[in-house]
Amino acid sequence: MDEGVDEELLSIGAFAARARLSAKALRLYDRLGLLAPAQVDPATGYRYYRAGQVERARLVALLRQLDMPLARIAEVVDADDGGMAADRLAAYWAGVEARVAGQRTLAEYLRGRLSGRNSEMYGKFVVETVDVPEQVLITEKRHTLADELPAWIGASLGRLEEAARECGGVAGAPFVAYHAEVSMESDGPAEACVPVADEAAARAWAEQRGRAWETTVRVEPARRLARTRITKAQVAHPQILAAFEAVEEWMAAEGLSQAGPCREVYFADWGAAGAEDPVCDVAFPVS
């Protein structure tokens, strides 16, 4: 290290003052791998920083105020240029806003429940029964938490619908059955199901290639479903919870018992549907 570079080194105290941070914060950033000293004296352990590291130190401090995870902070401060750093920050913040919007909706939903306005919420849903004939299903089951569920539903139903081409074609509305609760604490499992026309072809396909996705084939007997139809906007969590509870309340009032896992039946083109278009039936098998 030449003398010109040595002259640029600042003690941790001097650097902390210039960066308007504490020495404790700088030690933390070093421990977290976000801001390493330019030099550490091997004899004393004293840390020294360069003046050019001030901007990074201040940026790390500001990003931590956004509750940004350490790995995401590293992605921002290590970006090749300012534009890339700004894009990474924007992507993170878009996720934060989406999460807060979901939490806001959940809070409103819970306020309704806690204040006794359940009947008002459930009254918005029209519940009816429908008979579904026996179906041959190709299925894919997975343990998944709520935050991973939407992406998995789209991917798994896409895979199964593609497979259905070799199984006589899709013979009914695809659906997702919930064998146990899926939330941020409970991982189901959930089961994606696509009705197909040819059972023999379906079993041959599952034997040859279905194992890669843990695909199975089963025949579901004819069922009666209690269902309510919801829009694309209502499929989002937690709006959809009110739909499930509305059907359960209606079943209790009608003296009906649940006879299988509840499900979401997707009967419309999701990509082409607008927010207020009906796309899904929330349903319970009943007896």
Protein backbone atom coordinates (compact mmCIF):
# COMPACT_ATOMS: atom_id res chain seq x y z
CA MET A 1 0.00 0.00 0.00
CA ASP A 2 1.57 3.30 -1.05
CA GLU A 3 1.77 6.46 1.05
CA GLY A 4 -0.91 8.25 -1.01
CA VAL A 5 -3.40 5.53 -0.13
CA ASP A 6 -2.31 5.49 3.52
CA GLU A 7 -3.10 9.19 3.83
CA GLU A 8 -6.75 8.50 2.85
CA LEU A 9 -7.34 6.12 5.76
CA LEU A 10 -9.58 7.28 8.61
CA SER A 11 -9.84 5.80 12.07
CA ILE A 12 -13.19 4.24 12.93
CA GLY A 13 -14.01 7.26 15.11
CA ALA A 14 -13.19 9.78 12.39
CA PHE A 15 -15.02 7.76 9.76
CA ALA A 16 -18.07 7.33 12.01
CA ALA A 17 -18.23 11.10 12.52
CA ARG A 18 -18.01 11.75 8.78
CA ALA A 19 -20.62 9.10 7.98
CA ARG A 20 -22.85 10.33 10.86
CA LEU A 21 -22.96 6.82 12.28
CA SER A 22 -21.75 5.22 15.48
CA ALA A 23 -18.69 3.03 15.75
CA LYS A 24 -21.03 0.32 17.03
CA ALA A 25 -23.05 0.50 13.80
CA LEU A 26 -19.87 0.26 11.73
CA ARG A 27 -18.76 -2.82 13.63
CA LEU A 28 -22.20 -4.35 13.00
CA TYR A 29 -22.02 -3.62 9.27
CA ASP A 30 -18.61 -5.26 9.17
CA ARG A 31 -19.90 -8.34 11.01
CA LEU A 32 -22.87 -8.56 8.62
CA GLY A 33 -20.62 -8.33 5.59
CA LEU A 34 -22.09 -5.05 4.38
CA LEU A 35 -19.16 -2.68 4.96
CA ALA A 36 -15.71 -4.05 5.64
CA PRO A 37 -12.90 -1.75 6.85
CA ALA A 38 -10.32 -0.86 4.23
CA GLN A 39 -7.64 -2.03 6.65
CA VAL A 40 -7.41 -3.68 10.08
CA ASP A 41 -4.21 -3.31 12.08
CA PRO A 42 -3.10 -6.90 12.79
CA ALA A 43 -1.45 -5.89 16.05
CA THR A 44 -4.15 -3.69 17.60
CA GLY A 45 -7.27 -4.75 15.70
CA TYR A 46 -8.05 -1.09 14.99
CA ARG A 47 -10.26 -0.56 11.96
CA TYR A 48 -9.49 2.02 9.29
CA TYR A 49 -11.78 3.20 6.51
CA ARG A 50 -11.40 5.24 3.36
CA ALA A 51 -13.25 8.49 2.80
CA GLY A 52 -14.77 6.95 -0.33
CA GLN A 53 -16.69 4.43 1.83
CA VAL A 54 -18.80 7.14 3.47
CA GLU A 55 -21.55 6.99 0.84
CA ARG A 56 -21.88 3.21 1.14
CA ALA A 57 -22.06 3.46 4.94
CA ARG A 58 -24.85 6.04 4.78
CA LEU A 59 -26.71 4.02 2.14
CA VAL A 60 -26.58 0.85 4.25
CA ALA A 61 -27.95 2.77 7.24
CA LEU A 62 -30.83 4.20 5.21
CA LEU A 63 -31.72 0.85 3.67
CA ARG A 64 -31.82 -0.75 7.11
CA GLN A 65 -34.45 1.83 8.07
CA LEU A 66 -36.64 0.27 5.37
CA ASP A 67 -36.41 -3.09 7.19
CA MET A 68 -34.69 -4.47 4.12
CA PRO A 69 -33.20 -7.94 4.65
CA LEU A 70 -29.42 -8.05 4.72
CA ALA A 71 -29.18 -10.05 1.51
CA ARG A 72 -31.29 -7.47 -0.34
CA ILE A 73 -29.17 -4.61 1.07
CA ALA A 74 -26.07 -6.32 -0.29
CA GLU A 75 -27.72 -6.60 -3.71
CA VAL A 76 -28.44 -2.86 -3.74
CA VAL A 77 -25.08 -1.58 -2.52
CA ASP A 78 -23.15 -4.04 -4.70
CA ALA A 79 -25.06 -3.15 -7.90
CA ASP A 80 -22.91 -2.29 -10.90
CA ASP A 81 -24.40 1.19 -11.25
CA GLY A 82 -26.93 3.55 -9.76
CA GLY A 83 -29.66 2.58 -12.18
CA MET A 84 -29.40 -1.08 -11.26
CA ALA A 85 -29.34 -0.22 -7.56
CA ALA A 86 -32.47 1.92 -7.98
CA ASP A 87 -34.25 -0.90 -9.83
CA ARG A 88 -33.42 -3.38 -7.07
CA LEU A 89 -34.70 -0.98 -4.44
CA ALA A 90 -37.89 -0.41 -6.46
CA ALA A 91 -38.48 -4.15 -6.75
CA TYR A 92 -38.05 -4.60 -3.01
CA TRP A 93 -40.39 -1.71 -2.19
CA ALA A 94 -43.07 -2.96 -4.58
CA GLY A 95 -43.05 -6.20 -2.61
CA VAL A 96 -43.35 -4.30 0.66
CA GLU A 97 -46.33 -2.32 -0.61
CA ALA A 98 -48.03 -5.48 -1.86
CA ARG A 99 -47.51 -7.13 1.52
CA VAL A 100 -48.84 -4.09 3.39
CA ALA A 101 -51.87 -3.93 1.10
CA GLY A 102 -52.61 -7.56 1.89
CA GLN A 103 -52.17 -6.96 5.60
CA ARG A 104 -54.48 -3.93 5.41
CA THR A 105 -57.16 -6.04 3.76
CA LEU A 106 -56.67 -8.78 6.35
CA ALA A 107 -57.02 -6.22 9.16
CA GLU A 108 -60.32 -4.99 7.70
CA TYR A 109 -61.52 -8.57 7.39
CA LEU A 110 -60.61 -9.29 11.01
CA ARG A 111 -62.29 -6.09 12.18
CA GLY A 112 -65.47 -7.34 10.56
CA ARG A 113 -65.21 -10.67 12.32
CA LEU A 114 -64.35 -9.20 15.70
CA SER A 115 -67.12 -6.60 15.54
CA GLY A 116 -69.75 -9.22 14.79
CA ARG A 117 -70.39 -8.18 11.18
CA ASN A 118 -69.96 -11.77 9.93
CA SER A 119 -73.50 -11.99 8.56
CA GLU A 120 -73.00 -8.75 6.67
CA MET A 121 -69.83 -10.11 5.04
CA TYR A 122 -71.29 -13.53 4.29
CA GLY A 123 -74.49 -12.07 2.88
CA LYS A 124 -72.56 -10.89 -0.18
CA PHE A 125 -72.11 -14.50 -1.32
CA VAL A 126 -74.76 -16.59 -3.08
CA VAL A 127 -74.40 -20.25 -2.11
CA GLU A 128 -75.97 -23.16 -3.98
CA THR A 129 -75.45 -26.88 -4.51
CA VAL A 130 -74.33 -28.50 -7.74
CA ASP A 131 -73.85 -32.15 -8.68
CA VAL A 132 -70.52 -33.15 -10.23
CA PRO A 133 -70.23 -36.52 -12.02
CA GLU A 134 -67.43 -39.04 -11.47
CA GLN A 135 -64.13 -37.71 -12.78
CA VAL A 136 -60.74 -39.15 -13.70
CA LEU A 137 -58.14 -36.78 -12.26
CA ILE A 138 -54.46 -36.26 -12.80
CA THR A 139 -53.14 -34.56 -9.69
CA GLU A 140 -50.06 -32.98 -8.17
CA LYS A 141 -49.84 -32.64 -4.39
CA ARG A 142 -47.52 -30.35 -2.45
CA HIS A 143 -46.95 -29.04 1.04
CA THR A 144 -46.81 -25.25 0.65
CA LEU A 145 -47.26 -22.12 2.73
CA ALA A 146 -49.66 -19.33 1.81
CA ASP A 147 -47.07 -17.00 0.31
CA GLU A 148 -45.94 -19.69 -2.16
CA LEU A 149 -49.43 -20.94 -2.96
CA PRO A 150 -50.48 -18.66 -5.87
CA ALA A 151 -47.31 -19.32 -7.86
CA TRP A 152 -47.55 -23.06 -7.24
CA ILE A 153 -51.23 -23.20 -8.28
CA GLY A 154 -50.48 -21.51 -11.60
CA ALA A 155 -47.43 -23.68 -12.30
CA SER A 156 -48.96 -26.99 -11.27
CA LEU A 157 -52.25 -26.52 -13.11
CA GLY A 158 -50.27 -25.44 -16.16
CA ARG A 159 -48.21 -28.63 -16.03
CA LEU A 160 -51.29 -30.80 -15.57
CA GLU A 161 -53.23 -29.13 -18.35
CA GLU A 162 -50.27 -29.70 -20.65
CA ALA A 163 -50.19 -33.35 -19.60
CA ALA A 164 -53.93 -33.66 -20.23
CA ARG A 165 -53.26 -33.43 -23.97
CA GLU A 166 -51.82 -36.93 -23.72
CA CYS A 167 -54.70 -38.13 -21.54
CA GLY A 168 -57.65 -37.54 -23.86
CA GLY A 169 -57.85 -33.82 -23.14
CA VAL A 170 -59.19 -31.73 -20.26
CA ALA A 171 -62.63 -33.03 -19.30
CA GLY A 172 -63.73 -30.52 -16.67
CA ALA A 173 -62.79 -27.45 -14.68
CA PRO A 174 -59.38 -27.69 -12.95
CA PHE A 175 -59.41 -27.29 -9.18
CA VAL A 176 -57.21 -27.18 -6.11
CA ALA A 177 -58.23 -29.27 -3.11
CA TYR A 178 -57.03 -28.45 0.40
CA HIS A 179 -56.42 -31.52 2.55
CA ALA A 180 -55.46 -29.31 5.52
CA GLU A 181 -55.16 -25.60 6.16
CA VAL A 182 -52.69 -23.61 4.08
CA SER A 183 -51.48 -20.47 5.87
CA MET A 184 -48.18 -18.92 6.93
CA GLU A 185 -47.99 -21.54 9.70
CA SER A 186 -49.65 -24.57 8.08
CA ASP A 187 -48.51 -26.15 4.81
CA GLY A 188 -51.51 -28.22 3.81
CA PRO A 189 -50.96 -30.17 1.65
CA ALA A 190 -52.77 -28.74 -1.37
CA GLU A 191 -53.60 -30.85 -4.40
CA ALA A 192 -53.89 -29.48 -7.95
CA CYS A 193 -56.36 -31.54 -10.00
CA VAL A 194 -57.27 -31.61 -13.69
CA PRO A 195 -60.09 -33.87 -14.95
CA VAL A 196 -59.13 -35.84 -18.07
CA ALA A 197 -61.06 -37.93 -20.57
CA ASP A 198 -58.97 -41.12 -20.86
CA GLU A 199 -58.10 -42.99 -17.65
CA ALA A 200 -55.87 -45.57 -19.33
CA ALA A 201 -53.87 -42.88 -21.12
CA ALA A 202 -53.61 -40.91 -17.89
CA ARG A 203 -52.21 -43.89 -15.98
CA ALA A 204 -49.75 -44.60 -18.79
CA TRP A 205 -48.60 -40.99 -18.75
CA ALA A 206 -48.18 -40.97 -14.96
CA GLU A 207 -46.18 -44.18 -15.12
CA GLN A 208 -43.84 -42.86 -17.81
CA ARG A 209 -43.38 -39.19 -16.97
CA GLY A 210 -45.62 -38.12 -14.13
CA ARG A 211 -43.21 -39.14 -11.39
CA ALA A 212 -41.07 -36.05 -12.00
CA TRP A 213 -43.81 -33.91 -10.45
CA GLU A 214 -45.22 -36.58 -8.10
CA THR A 215 -48.26 -36.78 -10.33
CA THR A 216 -50.90 -39.37 -9.55
CA VAL A 217 -54.11 -40.52 -11.19
CA ARG A 218 -57.28 -41.19 -9.25
CA VAL A 219 -60.98 -41.51 -9.90
CA GLU A 220 -63.10 -39.17 -7.83
CA PRO A 221 -66.67 -40.39 -7.31
CA ALA A 222 -69.68 -38.28 -8.15
CA ARG A 223 -70.16 -35.55 -5.57
CA ARG A 224 -72.55 -32.83 -4.53
CA LEU A 225 -70.81 -29.53 -3.90
CA ALA A 226 -71.96 -26.51 -1.93
CA ARG A 227 -70.37 -23.57 -3.73
CA THR A 228 -70.23 -19.82 -4.12
CA ARG A 229 -68.88 -18.07 -7.20
CA ILE A 230 -66.29 -15.33 -6.73
CA THR A 231 -64.46 -12.81 -8.89
CA LYS A 232 -60.77 -12.64 -9.69
CA ALA A 233 -60.33 -9.85 -7.12
CA GLN A 234 -62.00 -11.98 -4.44
CA VAL A 235 -59.63 -14.90 -5.01
CA ALA A 236 -56.87 -12.94 -3.27
CA HIS A 237 -56.12 -13.62 0.38
CA PRO A 238 -57.83 -12.74 2.71
CA GLN A 239 -60.94 -11.92 0.66
CA ILE A 240 -61.31 -15.57 -0.24
CA LEU A 241 -61.50 -16.54 3.45
CA ALA A 242 -64.88 -14.84 3.73
CA ALA A 243 -66.12 -16.92 0.78
CA PHE A 244 -65.06 -20.18 2.43
CA GLU A 245 -66.68 -19.15 5.71
CA ALA A 246 -69.88 -18.06 3.95
CA VAL A 247 -70.23 -21.52 2.42
CA GLU A 248 -69.53 -23.18 5.77
CA GLU A 249 -72.18 -21.03 7.49
CA TRP A 250 -74.71 -21.85 4.76
CA MET A 251 -73.95 -25.58 5.09
CA ALA A 252 -74.55 -25.43 8.84
CA ALA A 253 -77.84 -23.62 8.32
CA GLU A 254 -78.93 -26.24 5.77
CA GLY A 255 -77.91 -29.16 7.98
CA LEU A 256 -75.27 -30.37 5.51
CA SER A 257 -71.99 -32.04 6.50
CA GLN A 258 -68.62 -31.66 4.80
CA ALA A 259 -67.79 -34.85 2.88
CA GLY A 260 -64.29 -34.16 1.55
CA PRO A 261 -61.59 -31.53 1.21
CA CYS A 262 -62.70 -28.02 0.32
CA ARG A 263 -61.60 -26.71 -3.05
CA GLU A 264 -61.21 -23.82 -5.44
CA VAL A 265 -62.58 -24.63 -8.90
CA TYR A 266 -61.12 -22.48 -11.69
CA PHE A 267 -63.59 -22.42 -14.58
CA ALA A 268 -62.47 -19.29 -16.48
CA ASP A 269 -59.40 -18.09 -18.38
CA TRP A 270 -57.43 -16.45 -15.56
CA GLY A 271 -55.19 -14.39 -17.80
CA ALA A 272 -58.04 -12.93 -19.83
CA ALA A 273 -60.32 -12.22 -16.86
CA GLY A 274 -60.70 -8.78 -15.32
CA ALA A 275 -60.74 -8.07 -11.60
CA GLU A 276 -64.55 -8.20 -11.41
CA ASP A 277 -65.05 -11.21 -13.68
CA PRO A 278 -66.20 -14.49 -12.07
CA VAL A 279 -63.36 -17.01 -12.28
CA CYS A 280 -63.59 -19.41 -9.35
CA ASP A 281 -66.02 -21.47 -7.28
CA VAL A 282 -65.22 -21.92 -3.61
CA ALA A 283 -66.76 -25.29 -2.84
CA PHE A 284 -67.19 -28.04 -0.24
CA PRO A 285 -68.27 -31.62 -0.96
CA VAL A 286 -71.40 -32.20 1.15
CA SER A 287 -73.65 -35.00 2.26
